[in-house]
Amino acid sequence: MSNAWERLREIIVRNSYREGIFTLTSGKQSDFYIDCKETTLSAEGAYLCGRLLLERIRPFPGEIRGVGGMTLGADPLVTAVSIVSFLDGSPLPAFIIRKEKKGHGTGSWIEGKGNIPKGSTVALLEDVVTTGGTLLKAAERTREEGYCVGPVLAVVDREEGGRDALTACGLSLTALFTRRDIRNAIA
């Protein structure tokens, strides 16, 4: 693994990993919690996430025209990838998927879609995947707005069924880290 991957894992373990009893968004109980926003909202963590996610988006076949995800977990990620892509000379605009459809104006699910032509293939990002429900909802809303879903990426896959749920719906998950990667760094 790269030095950037190792460094990001250190930051996640230090800033985002907690042990205890937690109720997750999915409603499941867990003996650990990963609050990735503590990593993705730090300067170095955001940069490393942007760099490593972009490295995994670039090889995807076909042209990726944007990067987005469900608010709030994906907000810092899509911004980081967009900024890193600009610095690399091949900018990818970011978009954010709302939890509720906008009740006025355009009535849209997506903010930032004016930067991405309809029909374009886009990448979807998430900070932590458990059951995959958030990414499935994000994919559905992205398609409703007229885009094709290409690569689906996460910072951490908790390995609790999310990958299988996405695969069953025709989506393939690429994660920077698995539950094992994070827990092995602690042991």
N, C-alpha and C. Protein backbone atom coordinates (compact mmCIF):
# COMPACT_ATOMS: atom_id res chain seq x y z
N MET A 1 0.83 -1.19 0.00
CA MET A 1 0.00 0.00 0.00
C MET A 1 0.87 1.26 0.00
N SER A 2 0.31 2.31 -0.46
CA SER A 2 1.06 3.56 -0.57
C SER A 2 1.22 4.24 0.78
N ASN A 3 2.17 5.16 0.83
CA ASN A 3 2.35 5.96 2.04
C ASN A 3 1.10 6.77 2.34
N ALA A 4 0.41 7.27 1.30
CA ALA A 4 -0.82 8.04 1.50
C ALA A 4 -1.89 7.17 2.14
N TRP A 5 -2.02 5.92 1.69
CA TRP A 5 -3.00 5.00 2.26
C TRP A 5 -2.71 4.74 3.74
N GLU A 6 -1.44 4.46 4.04
CA GLU A 6 -1.03 4.21 5.43
C GLU A 6 -1.30 5.43 6.31
N ARG A 7 -0.96 6.61 5.79
CA ARG A 7 -1.16 7.83 6.57
C ARG A 7 -2.65 8.09 6.82
N LEU A 8 -3.48 7.88 5.78
CA LEU A 8 -4.92 8.09 5.96
C LEU A 8 -5.47 7.09 6.97
N ARG A 9 -5.00 5.87 6.94
CA ARG A 9 -5.46 4.89 7.92
C ARG A 9 -5.09 5.33 9.34
N GLU A 10 -3.90 5.86 9.52
CA GLU A 10 -3.50 6.38 10.84
C GLU A 10 -4.44 7.48 11.31
N ILE A 11 -4.80 8.38 10.40
CA ILE A 11 -5.69 9.50 10.76
C ILE A 11 -7.07 8.97 11.12
N ILE A 12 -7.58 8.00 10.35
CA ILE A 12 -8.89 7.43 10.65
C ILE A 12 -8.89 6.77 12.02
N VAL A 13 -7.87 5.99 12.30
CA VAL A 13 -7.79 5.31 13.60
C VAL A 13 -7.71 6.33 14.73
N ARG A 14 -6.92 7.36 14.55
CA ARG A 14 -6.75 8.38 15.60
C ARG A 14 -8.00 9.26 15.75
N ASN A 15 -8.56 9.73 14.66
CA ASN A 15 -9.63 10.73 14.71
C ASN A 15 -11.04 10.16 14.67
N SER A 16 -11.23 9.02 14.03
CA SER A 16 -12.58 8.58 13.70
C SER A 16 -13.04 7.29 14.34
N TYR A 17 -12.14 6.44 14.77
CA TYR A 17 -12.52 5.12 15.29
C TYR A 17 -12.80 5.18 16.78
N ARG A 18 -13.95 4.63 17.19
CA ARG A 18 -14.31 4.56 18.60
C ARG A 18 -14.86 3.19 18.92
N GLU A 19 -14.53 2.68 20.11
CA GLU A 19 -15.10 1.42 20.58
C GLU A 19 -16.14 1.71 21.64
N GLY A 20 -17.14 0.85 21.74
CA GLY A 20 -18.24 1.01 22.67
C GLY A 20 -19.47 0.38 22.05
N ILE A 21 -20.64 0.73 22.53
CA ILE A 21 -21.89 0.24 21.96
C ILE A 21 -22.58 1.42 21.27
N PHE A 22 -22.82 1.26 19.97
CA PHE A 22 -23.38 2.33 19.15
C PHE A 22 -24.55 1.81 18.33
N THR A 23 -25.54 2.66 18.10
CA THR A 23 -26.62 2.37 17.17
C THR A 23 -26.30 3.11 15.88
N LEU A 24 -26.21 2.36 14.79
CA LEU A 24 -25.85 2.93 13.50
C LEU A 24 -27.07 3.48 12.78
N THR A 25 -26.85 4.23 11.70
CA THR A 25 -27.93 4.77 10.88
C THR A 25 -28.88 3.67 10.42
N SER A 26 -28.32 2.50 10.15
CA SER A 26 -29.12 1.36 9.69
C SER A 26 -30.01 0.80 10.79
N GLY A 27 -29.78 1.23 12.05
CA GLY A 27 -30.52 0.70 13.18
C GLY A 27 -29.80 -0.45 13.86
N LYS A 28 -28.74 -0.96 13.23
CA LYS A 28 -27.97 -2.06 13.80
C LYS A 28 -27.14 -1.57 14.98
N GLN A 29 -26.89 -2.48 15.93
CA GLN A 29 -25.99 -2.20 17.05
C GLN A 29 -24.58 -2.63 16.64
N SER A 30 -23.59 -1.90 17.12
CA SER A 30 -22.20 -2.22 16.80
C SER A 30 -21.31 -1.97 18.00
N ASP A 31 -20.20 -2.71 18.07
CA ASP A 31 -19.25 -2.51 19.16
C ASP A 31 -18.14 -1.52 18.77
N PHE A 32 -18.27 -0.92 17.58
CA PHE A 32 -17.34 0.13 17.19
C PHE A 32 -18.07 1.11 16.27
N TYR A 33 -17.50 2.31 16.17
CA TYR A 33 -18.09 3.35 15.35
C TYR A 33 -16.97 4.07 14.62
N ILE A 34 -17.21 4.41 13.38
CA ILE A 34 -16.24 5.19 12.61
C ILE A 34 -16.94 6.46 12.16
N ASP A 35 -16.58 7.56 12.79
CA ASP A 35 -17.12 8.87 12.43
C ASP A 35 -16.14 9.50 11.46
N CYS A 36 -16.28 9.15 10.19
CA CYS A 36 -15.32 9.59 9.18
C CYS A 36 -15.26 11.10 9.02
N LYS A 37 -16.31 11.80 9.40
CA LYS A 37 -16.28 13.26 9.25
C LYS A 37 -15.16 13.88 10.07
N GLU A 38 -14.77 13.24 11.17
CA GLU A 38 -13.64 13.74 11.95
C GLU A 38 -12.35 13.66 11.14
N THR A 39 -12.30 12.76 10.19
CA THR A 39 -11.15 12.65 9.28
C THR A 39 -11.33 13.52 8.05
N THR A 40 -12.52 13.41 7.41
CA THR A 40 -12.72 14.11 6.14
C THR A 40 -12.84 15.62 6.29
N LEU A 41 -13.09 16.10 7.50
CA LEU A 41 -13.14 17.54 7.74
C LEU A 41 -11.82 18.09 8.27
N SER A 42 -10.81 17.23 8.38
CA SER A 42 -9.47 17.72 8.70
C SER A 42 -8.75 18.00 7.38
N ALA A 43 -7.85 18.93 7.37
CA ALA A 43 -7.18 19.32 6.13
C ALA A 43 -6.44 18.14 5.49
N GLU A 44 -5.60 17.47 6.27
CA GLU A 44 -4.82 16.37 5.71
C GLU A 44 -5.72 15.19 5.34
N GLY A 45 -6.68 14.87 6.19
CA GLY A 45 -7.59 13.77 5.90
C GLY A 45 -8.40 14.01 4.64
N ALA A 46 -8.89 15.24 4.47
CA ALA A 46 -9.65 15.57 3.27
C ALA A 46 -8.78 15.43 2.03
N TYR A 47 -7.57 15.97 2.09
CA TYR A 47 -6.68 15.89 0.94
C TYR A 47 -6.38 14.43 0.58
N LEU A 48 -6.04 13.63 1.58
CA LEU A 48 -5.70 12.23 1.32
C LEU A 48 -6.90 11.45 0.77
N CYS A 49 -8.09 11.70 1.32
CA CYS A 49 -9.30 11.06 0.77
C CYS A 49 -9.50 11.47 -0.68
N GLY A 50 -9.38 12.76 -0.95
CA GLY A 50 -9.53 13.24 -2.32
C GLY A 50 -8.55 12.61 -3.27
N ARG A 51 -7.30 12.54 -2.87
CA ARG A 51 -6.23 11.97 -3.70
C ARG A 51 -6.49 10.48 -3.95
N LEU A 52 -6.74 9.72 -2.88
CA LEU A 52 -6.89 8.26 -3.02
C LEU A 52 -8.18 7.88 -3.74
N LEU A 53 -9.26 8.60 -3.51
CA LEU A 53 -10.51 8.30 -4.22
C LEU A 53 -10.37 8.64 -5.70
N LEU A 54 -9.75 9.77 -6.02
CA LEU A 54 -9.54 10.15 -7.41
C LEU A 54 -8.69 9.10 -8.14
N GLU A 55 -7.67 8.59 -7.47
CA GLU A 55 -6.83 7.55 -8.08
C GLU A 55 -7.64 6.31 -8.45
N ARG A 56 -8.70 6.05 -7.70
CA ARG A 56 -9.54 4.88 -7.99
C ARG A 56 -10.65 5.19 -8.99
N ILE A 57 -11.01 6.44 -9.13
CA ILE A 57 -12.02 6.84 -10.11
C ILE A 57 -11.42 6.87 -11.52
N ARG A 58 -10.22 7.39 -11.66
CA ARG A 58 -9.60 7.61 -12.97
C ARG A 58 -9.56 6.36 -13.87
N PRO A 59 -9.24 5.17 -13.35
CA PRO A 59 -9.17 4.01 -14.25
C PRO A 59 -10.52 3.47 -14.73
N PHE A 60 -11.62 4.00 -14.20
CA PHE A 60 -12.94 3.50 -14.58
C PHE A 60 -13.12 3.70 -16.08
N PRO A 61 -13.62 2.67 -16.79
CA PRO A 61 -13.79 2.81 -18.24
C PRO A 61 -14.86 3.87 -18.57
N GLY A 62 -14.61 4.64 -19.59
CA GLY A 62 -15.53 5.70 -19.97
C GLY A 62 -15.18 6.98 -19.25
N GLU A 63 -15.83 8.06 -19.67
CA GLU A 63 -15.54 9.37 -19.09
C GLU A 63 -16.46 9.64 -17.90
N ILE A 64 -15.85 9.91 -16.77
CA ILE A 64 -16.58 10.31 -15.57
C ILE A 64 -16.65 11.83 -15.59
N ARG A 65 -17.86 12.37 -15.49
CA ARG A 65 -18.06 13.82 -15.65
C ARG A 65 -18.36 14.54 -14.34
N GLY A 66 -18.50 13.81 -13.24
CA GLY A 66 -18.78 14.46 -11.96
C GLY A 66 -18.68 13.46 -10.83
N VAL A 67 -18.66 13.99 -9.62
CA VAL A 67 -18.55 13.16 -8.44
C VAL A 67 -19.50 13.70 -7.39
N GLY A 68 -20.32 12.80 -6.81
CA GLY A 68 -21.31 13.26 -5.85
C GLY A 68 -21.66 12.22 -4.82
N GLY A 69 -22.55 12.61 -3.93
CA GLY A 69 -22.99 11.69 -2.89
C GLY A 69 -24.02 12.36 -2.00
N MET A 70 -24.56 11.55 -1.12
CA MET A 70 -25.63 11.98 -0.22
C MET A 70 -25.06 12.88 0.88
N THR A 71 -25.74 14.01 1.09
CA THR A 71 -25.37 14.87 2.19
C THR A 71 -25.63 14.10 3.49
N LEU A 72 -24.88 14.10 4.39
CA LEU A 72 -23.81 14.94 4.85
C LEU A 72 -22.46 14.21 4.76
N GLY A 73 -22.51 12.89 4.79
CA GLY A 73 -21.25 12.13 4.79
C GLY A 73 -20.39 12.35 3.57
N ALA A 74 -21.02 12.53 2.41
CA ALA A 74 -20.24 12.66 1.18
C ALA A 74 -19.81 14.10 0.89
N ASP A 75 -20.39 15.07 1.57
CA ASP A 75 -20.09 16.48 1.24
C ASP A 75 -18.59 16.79 1.23
N PRO A 76 -17.86 16.49 2.31
CA PRO A 76 -16.43 16.82 2.26
C PRO A 76 -15.67 15.95 1.26
N LEU A 77 -16.15 14.74 1.02
CA LEU A 77 -15.46 13.85 0.07
C LEU A 77 -15.56 14.36 -1.36
N VAL A 78 -16.77 14.73 -1.78
CA VAL A 78 -16.94 15.17 -3.16
C VAL A 78 -16.19 16.48 -3.38
N THR A 79 -16.16 17.33 -2.37
CA THR A 79 -15.40 18.57 -2.48
C THR A 79 -13.91 18.28 -2.59
N ALA A 80 -13.41 17.38 -1.77
CA ALA A 80 -11.98 17.03 -1.81
C ALA A 80 -11.58 16.45 -3.15
N VAL A 81 -12.37 15.51 -3.67
CA VAL A 81 -12.05 14.91 -4.97
C VAL A 81 -12.09 15.98 -6.07
N SER A 82 -13.08 16.85 -6.03
CA SER A 82 -13.19 17.90 -7.04
C SER A 82 -11.98 18.83 -7.01
N ILE A 83 -11.56 19.23 -5.83
CA ILE A 83 -10.40 20.12 -5.71
C ILE A 83 -9.13 19.43 -6.18
N VAL A 84 -8.91 18.20 -5.75
CA VAL A 84 -7.71 17.46 -6.18
C VAL A 84 -7.72 17.28 -7.70
N SER A 85 -8.88 16.99 -8.27
CA SER A 85 -8.96 16.82 -9.72
C SER A 85 -8.60 18.12 -10.45
N PHE A 86 -9.04 19.24 -9.90
CA PHE A 86 -8.68 20.54 -10.49
C PHE A 86 -7.17 20.76 -10.42
N LEU A 87 -6.58 20.48 -9.27
CA LEU A 87 -5.14 20.65 -9.11
C LEU A 87 -4.36 19.74 -10.06
N ASP A 88 -4.94 18.60 -10.41
CA ASP A 88 -4.31 17.66 -11.35
C ASP A 88 -4.53 18.05 -12.81
N GLY A 89 -5.32 19.11 -13.04
CA GLY A 89 -5.53 19.58 -14.40
C GLY A 89 -6.66 18.91 -15.16
N SER A 90 -7.47 18.10 -14.48
CA SER A 90 -8.62 17.46 -15.14
C SER A 90 -9.82 17.51 -14.20
N PRO A 91 -10.41 18.71 -14.07
CA PRO A 91 -11.43 18.94 -13.06
C PRO A 91 -12.70 18.11 -13.21
N LEU A 92 -13.15 17.59 -12.07
CA LEU A 92 -14.44 16.90 -11.96
C LEU A 92 -15.33 17.75 -11.06
N PRO A 93 -16.45 18.25 -11.56
CA PRO A 93 -17.33 19.01 -10.69
C PRO A 93 -17.98 18.09 -9.65
N ALA A 94 -18.31 18.68 -8.52
CA ALA A 94 -18.96 17.94 -7.43
C ALA A 94 -20.45 18.24 -7.42
N PHE A 95 -21.22 17.28 -6.91
CA PHE A 95 -22.64 17.52 -6.67
C PHE A 95 -23.04 16.85 -5.37
N ILE A 96 -24.09 17.39 -4.76
CA ILE A 96 -24.57 16.89 -3.48
C ILE A 96 -26.02 16.46 -3.63
N ILE A 97 -26.34 15.29 -3.12
CA ILE A 97 -27.70 14.77 -3.18
C ILE A 97 -28.39 15.11 -1.85
N ARG A 98 -29.52 15.76 -1.97
CA ARG A 98 -30.28 16.17 -0.79
C ARG A 98 -30.99 14.96 -0.16
N LYS A 99 -31.22 15.03 1.15
CA LYS A 99 -31.99 13.97 1.82
C LYS A 99 -33.47 14.09 1.49
N GLU A 100 -33.92 15.32 1.25
CA GLU A 100 -35.30 15.56 0.84
C GLU A 100 -35.30 16.43 -0.39
N LYS A 101 -36.20 16.13 -1.30
CA LYS A 101 -36.31 16.91 -2.53
C LYS A 101 -36.55 18.38 -2.19
N LYS A 102 -35.88 19.26 -2.91
CA LYS A 102 -36.05 20.69 -2.69
C LYS A 102 -37.52 21.05 -2.85
N GLY A 103 -38.07 21.73 -1.87
CA GLY A 103 -39.49 22.04 -1.85
C GLY A 103 -39.87 23.29 -2.61
N HIS A 104 -38.91 23.96 -3.20
CA HIS A 104 -39.19 25.19 -3.95
C HIS A 104 -38.22 25.27 -5.13
N GLY A 105 -38.34 26.28 -5.93
CA GLY A 105 -37.43 26.47 -7.06
C GLY A 105 -37.50 25.30 -8.03
N THR A 106 -36.38 24.62 -8.20
CA THR A 106 -36.29 23.53 -9.19
C THR A 106 -36.90 22.22 -8.70
N GLY A 107 -37.10 22.08 -7.40
CA GLY A 107 -37.63 20.82 -6.88
C GLY A 107 -36.68 19.66 -7.09
N SER A 108 -35.41 19.92 -7.12
CA SER A 108 -34.39 18.93 -7.45
C SER A 108 -33.88 18.16 -6.23
N TRP A 109 -33.40 16.95 -6.49
CA TRP A 109 -32.69 16.17 -5.48
C TRP A 109 -31.23 16.62 -5.39
N ILE A 110 -30.70 17.17 -6.48
CA ILE A 110 -29.25 17.39 -6.60
C ILE A 110 -28.91 18.87 -6.66
N GLU A 111 -27.89 19.25 -5.88
CA GLU A 111 -27.29 20.58 -5.95
C GLU A 111 -25.99 20.46 -6.74
N GLY A 112 -25.78 21.39 -7.68
CA GLY A 112 -24.54 21.37 -8.47
C GLY A 112 -24.69 20.72 -9.82
N LYS A 113 -25.90 20.32 -10.18
CA LYS A 113 -26.06 19.60 -11.45
C LYS A 113 -25.89 20.49 -12.67
N GLY A 114 -25.94 21.81 -12.50
CA GLY A 114 -25.72 22.71 -13.62
C GLY A 114 -24.32 22.60 -14.20
N ASN A 115 -23.40 22.02 -13.45
CA ASN A 115 -22.01 21.85 -13.91
C ASN A 115 -21.78 20.54 -14.64
N ILE A 116 -22.82 19.68 -14.69
CA ILE A 116 -22.65 18.33 -15.25
C ILE A 116 -23.78 18.08 -16.26
N PRO A 117 -23.44 17.86 -17.53
CA PRO A 117 -24.49 17.64 -18.53
C PRO A 117 -25.34 16.40 -18.21
N LYS A 118 -26.65 16.52 -18.42
CA LYS A 118 -27.54 15.36 -18.23
C LYS A 118 -27.07 14.23 -19.12
N GLY A 119 -27.24 13.01 -18.63
CA GLY A 119 -26.81 11.83 -19.36
C GLY A 119 -25.38 11.43 -19.08
N SER A 120 -24.65 12.28 -18.36
CA SER A 120 -23.25 11.99 -18.03
C SER A 120 -23.14 10.84 -17.03
N THR A 121 -22.00 10.18 -17.07
CA THR A 121 -21.69 9.17 -16.06
C THR A 121 -20.96 9.85 -14.92
N VAL A 122 -21.41 9.55 -13.70
CA VAL A 122 -20.83 10.17 -12.51
C VAL A 122 -20.43 9.09 -11.51
N ALA A 123 -19.52 9.46 -10.62
CA ALA A 123 -19.10 8.59 -9.52
C ALA A 123 -19.87 8.98 -8.27
N LEU A 124 -20.22 7.99 -7.45
CA LEU A 124 -20.87 8.24 -6.17
C LEU A 124 -19.92 7.88 -5.04
N LEU A 125 -19.92 8.72 -4.00
CA LEU A 125 -19.02 8.54 -2.86
C LEU A 125 -19.82 8.47 -1.57
N GLU A 126 -19.25 7.76 -0.60
CA GLU A 126 -19.81 7.68 0.75
C GLU A 126 -18.65 7.55 1.72
N ASP A 127 -18.84 8.04 2.94
CA ASP A 127 -17.75 7.91 3.91
C ASP A 127 -17.67 6.50 4.48
N VAL A 128 -18.77 6.00 5.06
CA VAL A 128 -18.77 4.67 5.66
C VAL A 128 -19.97 3.90 5.13
N VAL A 129 -19.74 2.67 4.68
CA VAL A 129 -20.82 1.81 4.18
C VAL A 129 -21.07 0.69 5.18
N THR A 130 -22.33 0.53 5.58
CA THR A 130 -22.74 -0.58 6.44
C THR A 130 -23.65 -1.49 5.63
N THR A 131 -24.89 -1.11 5.45
CA THR A 131 -25.86 -1.92 4.70
C THR A 131 -25.94 -1.51 3.23
N GLY A 132 -25.39 -0.36 2.88
CA GLY A 132 -25.43 0.14 1.51
C GLY A 132 -26.67 0.96 1.20
N GLY A 133 -27.56 1.12 2.17
CA GLY A 133 -28.82 1.83 1.94
C GLY A 133 -28.66 3.25 1.44
N THR A 134 -27.72 3.98 2.00
CA THR A 134 -27.52 5.37 1.58
C THR A 134 -27.04 5.44 0.14
N LEU A 135 -26.11 4.57 -0.23
CA LEU A 135 -25.62 4.57 -1.61
C LEU A 135 -26.70 4.13 -2.60
N LEU A 136 -27.53 3.19 -2.19
CA LEU A 136 -28.63 2.76 -3.07
C LEU A 136 -29.61 3.91 -3.31
N LYS A 137 -29.91 4.65 -2.26
CA LYS A 137 -30.79 5.82 -2.38
C LYS A 137 -30.13 6.89 -3.24
N ALA A 138 -28.83 7.10 -3.04
CA ALA A 138 -28.09 8.09 -3.83
C ALA A 138 -28.11 7.71 -5.32
N ALA A 139 -27.92 6.43 -5.61
CA ALA A 139 -27.93 5.97 -7.00
C ALA A 139 -29.30 6.19 -7.63
N GLU A 140 -30.35 5.87 -6.89
CA GLU A 140 -31.72 6.04 -7.39
C GLU A 140 -32.00 7.52 -7.71
N ARG A 141 -31.63 8.40 -6.81
CA ARG A 141 -31.88 9.83 -7.01
C ARG A 141 -31.02 10.40 -8.14
N THR A 142 -29.81 9.90 -8.26
CA THR A 142 -28.93 10.35 -9.34
C THR A 142 -29.52 9.96 -10.69
N ARG A 143 -30.01 8.75 -10.78
CA ARG A 143 -30.64 8.30 -12.03
C ARG A 143 -31.93 9.08 -12.32
N GLU A 144 -32.72 9.36 -11.28
CA GLU A 144 -33.95 10.15 -11.45
C GLU A 144 -33.65 11.52 -12.05
N GLU A 145 -32.47 12.05 -11.73
CA GLU A 145 -32.09 13.38 -12.23
C GLU A 145 -31.43 13.31 -13.61
N GLY A 146 -31.35 12.10 -14.20
CA GLY A 146 -30.88 11.98 -15.58
C GLY A 146 -29.42 11.65 -15.77
N TYR A 147 -28.78 11.10 -14.73
CA TYR A 147 -27.36 10.74 -14.83
C TYR A 147 -27.18 9.23 -14.78
N CYS A 148 -26.06 8.76 -15.30
CA CYS A 148 -25.69 7.35 -15.22
C CYS A 148 -24.72 7.19 -14.05
N VAL A 149 -24.90 6.13 -13.29
CA VAL A 149 -24.02 5.87 -12.15
C VAL A 149 -22.88 4.98 -12.60
N GLY A 150 -21.67 5.48 -12.42
CA GLY A 150 -20.46 4.73 -12.74
C GLY A 150 -19.87 4.13 -11.47
N PRO A 151 -18.64 4.48 -11.16
CA PRO A 151 -18.01 3.90 -9.98
C PRO A 151 -18.68 4.36 -8.69
N VAL A 152 -18.73 3.45 -7.72
CA VAL A 152 -19.27 3.74 -6.39
C VAL A 152 -18.14 3.46 -5.41
N LEU A 153 -17.78 4.47 -4.62
CA LEU A 153 -16.62 4.36 -3.75
C LEU A 153 -16.94 4.80 -2.33
N ALA A 154 -16.21 4.23 -1.39
CA ALA A 154 -16.36 4.60 0.02
C ALA A 154 -14.98 4.69 0.66
N VAL A 155 -14.91 5.44 1.72
CA VAL A 155 -13.66 5.47 2.49
C VAL A 155 -13.54 4.16 3.27
N VAL A 156 -14.60 3.76 3.99
CA VAL A 156 -14.56 2.54 4.80
C VAL A 156 -15.77 1.66 4.50
N ASP A 157 -15.52 0.39 4.25
CA ASP A 157 -16.57 -0.63 4.14
C ASP A 157 -16.55 -1.41 5.46
N ARG A 158 -17.63 -1.31 6.23
CA ARG A 158 -17.73 -2.02 7.51
C ARG A 158 -17.88 -3.53 7.32
N GLU A 159 -18.04 -3.97 6.08
CA GLU A 159 -18.19 -5.40 5.76
C GLU A 159 -19.39 -6.02 6.48
N GLU A 160 -20.52 -5.30 6.39
CA GLU A 160 -21.74 -5.78 7.05
C GLU A 160 -22.90 -5.87 6.07
N GLY A 161 -22.59 -6.26 4.83
CA GLY A 161 -23.64 -6.51 3.85
C GLY A 161 -23.82 -5.45 2.79
N GLY A 162 -23.22 -4.30 2.96
CA GLY A 162 -23.39 -3.21 2.00
C GLY A 162 -22.90 -3.56 0.61
N ARG A 163 -21.73 -4.17 0.53
CA ARG A 163 -21.16 -4.54 -0.77
C ARG A 163 -22.10 -5.48 -1.51
N ASP A 164 -22.64 -6.47 -0.81
CA ASP A 164 -23.55 -7.43 -1.44
C ASP A 164 -24.85 -6.77 -1.88
N ALA A 165 -25.38 -5.86 -1.08
CA ALA A 165 -26.62 -5.15 -1.43
C ALA A 165 -26.41 -4.32 -2.70
N LEU A 166 -25.26 -3.66 -2.80
CA LEU A 166 -24.96 -2.86 -3.97
C LEU A 166 -24.77 -3.75 -5.20
N THR A 167 -24.05 -4.85 -5.03
CA THR A 167 -23.84 -5.78 -6.14
C THR A 167 -25.16 -6.33 -6.66
N ALA A 168 -26.09 -6.64 -5.75
CA ALA A 168 -27.40 -7.16 -6.14
C ALA A 168 -28.18 -6.15 -6.99
N CYS A 169 -27.84 -4.87 -6.88
CA CYS A 169 -28.51 -3.83 -7.65
C CYS A 169 -27.65 -3.35 -8.83
N GLY A 170 -26.62 -4.12 -9.16
CA GLY A 170 -25.80 -3.80 -10.32
C GLY A 170 -24.72 -2.76 -10.09
N LEU A 171 -24.41 -2.47 -8.82
CA LEU A 171 -23.37 -1.50 -8.49
C LEU A 171 -22.19 -2.22 -7.84
N SER A 172 -21.01 -1.76 -8.14
CA SER A 172 -19.80 -2.38 -7.58
C SER A 172 -19.11 -1.39 -6.66
N LEU A 173 -18.86 -1.79 -5.44
CA LEU A 173 -18.24 -0.92 -4.43
C LEU A 173 -16.73 -1.09 -4.40
N THR A 174 -16.04 0.05 -4.43
CA THR A 174 -14.61 0.10 -4.18
C THR A 174 -14.42 0.88 -2.89
N ALA A 175 -13.75 0.29 -1.92
CA ALA A 175 -13.51 0.98 -0.64
C ALA A 175 -12.01 1.15 -0.43
N LEU A 176 -11.65 2.30 0.11
CA LEU A 176 -10.24 2.52 0.44
C LEU A 176 -9.81 1.58 1.56
N PHE A 177 -10.72 1.36 2.52
CA PHE A 177 -10.41 0.54 3.69
C PHE A 177 -11.59 -0.37 4.00
N THR A 178 -11.27 -1.53 4.55
CA THR A 178 -12.30 -2.41 5.08
C THR A 178 -12.23 -2.35 6.60
N ARG A 179 -13.23 -2.93 7.20
CA ARG A 179 -13.26 -3.06 8.67
C ARG A 179 -11.95 -3.70 9.16
N ARG A 180 -11.52 -4.74 8.46
CA ARG A 180 -10.28 -5.43 8.85
C ARG A 180 -9.08 -4.52 8.78
N ASP A 181 -8.98 -3.71 7.71
CA ASP A 181 -7.85 -2.78 7.58
C ASP A 181 -7.75 -1.85 8.79
N ILE A 182 -8.89 -1.35 9.23
CA ILE A 182 -8.89 -0.40 10.35
C ILE A 182 -8.58 -1.14 11.65
N ARG A 183 -9.27 -2.25 11.88
CA ARG A 183 -9.06 -2.99 13.14
C ARG A 183 -7.66 -3.58 13.23
N ASN A 184 -7.07 -3.97 12.09
CA ASN A 184 -5.69 -4.48 12.10
C ASN A 184 -4.68 -3.42 12.50
N ALA A 185 -5.01 -2.17 12.21
CA ALA A 185 -4.11 -1.07 12.59
C ALA A 185 -4.15 -0.82 14.09
N ILE A 186 -5.20 -1.26 14.76
CA ILE A 186 -5.37 -1.06 16.19
C ILE A 186 -4.71 -2.19 16.98
N ALA A 187 -4.81 -3.38 16.43
CA ALA A 187 -4.32 -4.58 17.13
C ALA A 187 -2.83 -4.56 17.37
